[in-house]
C-alpha atoms as a PDB file:
ATOM      1  CA  UNK A   1      92.485  90.408  91.471  1.00  0.00           C
ATOM      2  CA  UNK A   2      95.890  89.313  90.104  1.00  0.00           C
ATOM      3  CA  UNK A   3      96.566  91.504  86.766  1.00  0.00           C
ATOM      4  CA  UNK A   4      96.986  89.285  84.128  1.00  0.00           C
ATOM      5  CA  UNK A   5      98.139  89.213  80.468  1.00  0.00           C
ATOM      6  CA  UNK A   6      96.901  86.636  78.018  1.00  0.00           C
ATOM      7  CA  UNK A   7      99.406  85.169  75.532  1.00  0.00           C
ATOM      8  CA  UNK A   8      98.250  85.299  71.823  1.00  0.00           C
ATOM      9  CA  UNK A   9      96.854  82.000  70.681  1.00  0.00           C
ATOM     10  CA  UNK A  10      99.529  79.879  69.007  1.00  0.00           C
ATOM     11  CA  UNK A  11      99.805  76.064  68.837  1.00  0.00           C
ATOM     12  CA  UNK A  12     101.941  75.654  71.748  1.00  0.00           C
ATOM     13  CA  UNK A  13     100.789  78.230  74.059  1.00  0.00           C
ATOM     14  CA  UNK A  14      97.133  78.400  73.591  1.00  0.00           C
ATOM     15  CA  UNK A  15      95.154  80.071  76.684  1.00  0.00           C
ATOM     16  CA  UNK A  16      98.027  80.695  78.888  1.00  0.00           C
ATOM     17  CA  UNK A  17      97.433  83.446  81.437  1.00  0.00           C
ATOM     18  CA  UNK A  18     100.533  85.136  82.748  1.00  0.00           C
ATOM     19  CA  UNK A  19     100.766  87.200  85.818  1.00  0.00           C
ATOM     20  CA  UNK A  20     101.710  91.005  85.924  1.00  0.00           C
ATOM     21  CA  UNK A  21     103.868  92.334  88.816  1.00  0.00           C
ATOM     22  CA  UNK A  22     102.074  94.856  90.986  1.00  0.00           C
ATOM     23  CA  UNK A  23     105.582  96.835  91.423  1.00  0.00           C
ATOM     24  CA  UNK A  24     107.270  96.704  88.095  1.00  0.00           C
ATOM     25  CA  UNK A  25     104.056  95.910  85.829  1.00  0.00           C
ATOM     26  CA  UNK A  26     106.011  93.339  83.971  1.00  0.00           C
ATOM     27  CA  UNK A  27     105.566  89.674  83.531  1.00  0.00           C
ATOM     28  CA  UNK A  28     108.441  87.267  84.616  1.00  0.00           C
ATOM     29  CA  UNK A  29     109.892  84.806  81.926  1.00  0.00           C
ATOM     30  CA  UNK A  30     108.712  81.895  84.329  1.00  0.00           C
ATOM     31  CA  UNK A  31     105.171  83.197  84.721  1.00  0.00           C
ATOM     32  CA  UNK A  32     103.494  82.464  87.935  1.00  0.00           C
ATOM     33  CA  UNK A  33     106.490  80.415  89.239  1.00  0.00           C
ATOM     34  CA  UNK A  34     108.508  83.508  88.891  1.00  0.00           C
ATOM     35  CA  UNK A  35     107.286  85.290  91.796  1.00  0.00           C
ATOM     36  CA  UNK A  36     104.756  85.049  94.709  1.00  0.00           C
ATOM     37  CA  UNK A  37     100.982  85.899  95.429  1.00  0.00           C
ATOM     38  CA  UNK A  38     100.230  88.201  98.440  1.00  0.00           C
ATOM     39  CA  UNK A  39      96.614  88.799  99.085  1.00  0.00           C
ATOM     40  CA  UNK A  40      95.667  88.011  95.511  1.00  0.00           C
ATOM     41  CA  UNK A  41      98.420  90.509  94.234  1.00  0.00           C
ATOM     42  CA  UNK A  42     101.392  89.074  92.136  1.00  0.00           C
ATOM     43  CA  UNK A  43     104.983  90.246  93.170  1.00  0.00           C
ATOM     44  CA  UNK A  44     107.695  88.849  90.587  1.00  0.00           C
ATOM     45  CA  UNK A  45     110.875  87.356  92.417  1.00  0.00           C
ATOM     46  CA  UNK A  46     113.154  90.596  91.413  1.00  0.00           C
ATOM     47  CA  UNK A  47     110.630  92.991  93.094  1.00  0.00           C
ATOM     48  CA  UNK A  48     110.220  90.814  95.989  1.00  0.00           C
ATOM     49  CA  UNK A  49     113.960  90.763  96.529  1.00  0.00           C
ATOM     50  CA  UNK A  50     114.318  94.522  96.224  1.00  0.00           C
ATOM     51  CA  UNK A  51     111.365  94.942  98.803  1.00  0.00           C
ATOM     52  CA  UNK A  52     113.243  92.618 101.323  1.00  0.00           C
ATOM     53  CA  UNK A  53     116.781  94.239 100.728  1.00  0.00           C
ATOM     54  CA  UNK A  54     115.944  97.997 100.571  1.00  0.00           C
ATOM     55  CA  UNK A  55     116.965 100.453 103.228  1.00  0.00           C
ATOM     56  CA  UNK A  56     114.865 103.064 104.516  1.00  0.00           C
ATOM     57  CA  UNK A  57     117.076 106.012 103.000  1.00  0.00           C
ATOM     58  CA  UNK A  58     117.202 104.500  99.703  1.00  0.00           C
ATOM     59  CA  UNK A  59     115.652 106.670  96.774  1.00  0.00           C
ATOM     60  CA  UNK A  60     113.239 104.055  95.774  1.00  0.00           C
ATOM     61  CA  UNK A  61     111.990 103.243  99.273  1.00  0.00           C
ATOM     62  CA  UNK A  62     108.887 105.721  99.124  1.00  0.00           C
ATOM     63  CA  UNK A  63     108.055 104.392  95.619  1.00  0.00           C
ATOM     64  CA  UNK A  64     108.175 100.800  96.661  1.00  0.00           C
ATOM     65  CA  UNK A  65     106.116 101.574 100.042  1.00  0.00           C
ATOM     66  CA  UNK A  66     103.340 103.267  98.023  1.00  0.00           C
ATOM     67  CA  UNK A  67     103.240 100.292  95.733  1.00  0.00           C
ATOM     68  CA  UNK A  68     103.205  97.707  98.424  1.00  0.00           C
ATOM     69  CA  UNK A  69     100.444  99.565  99.966  1.00  0.00           C
ATOM     70  CA  UNK A  70      98.432  98.607  96.930  1.00  0.00           C
ATOM     71  CA  UNK A  71      98.329  95.058  98.026  1.00  0.00           C
ATOM     72  CA  UNK A  72      95.649  95.979 100.703  1.00  0.00           C
ATOM     73  CA  UNK A  73      93.897  98.530  98.639  1.00  0.00           C
ATOM     74  CA  UNK A  74      90.297  97.851  97.590  1.00  0.00           C
ATOM     75  CA  UNK A  75      89.175  98.383  94.131  1.00  0.00           C
ATOM     76  CA  UNK A  76      92.479  98.815  92.312  1.00  0.00           C
END
């Protein structure tokens, strides 16, 4: 259920799978340690912080709300 990216094979990073944030669709530099899993979906620490601190009137509120709804959506 977690969207992932596979690092190309190199001698030091062979087979490492990195999570992709549900909100920003980026991989944090710290990999899985750079965020949290919510119902099998990954949120990076930066997006988690933005969600926690956003105000209802903020221009990004609606966008974030729609993305967060995807945590509970089936088949995406």
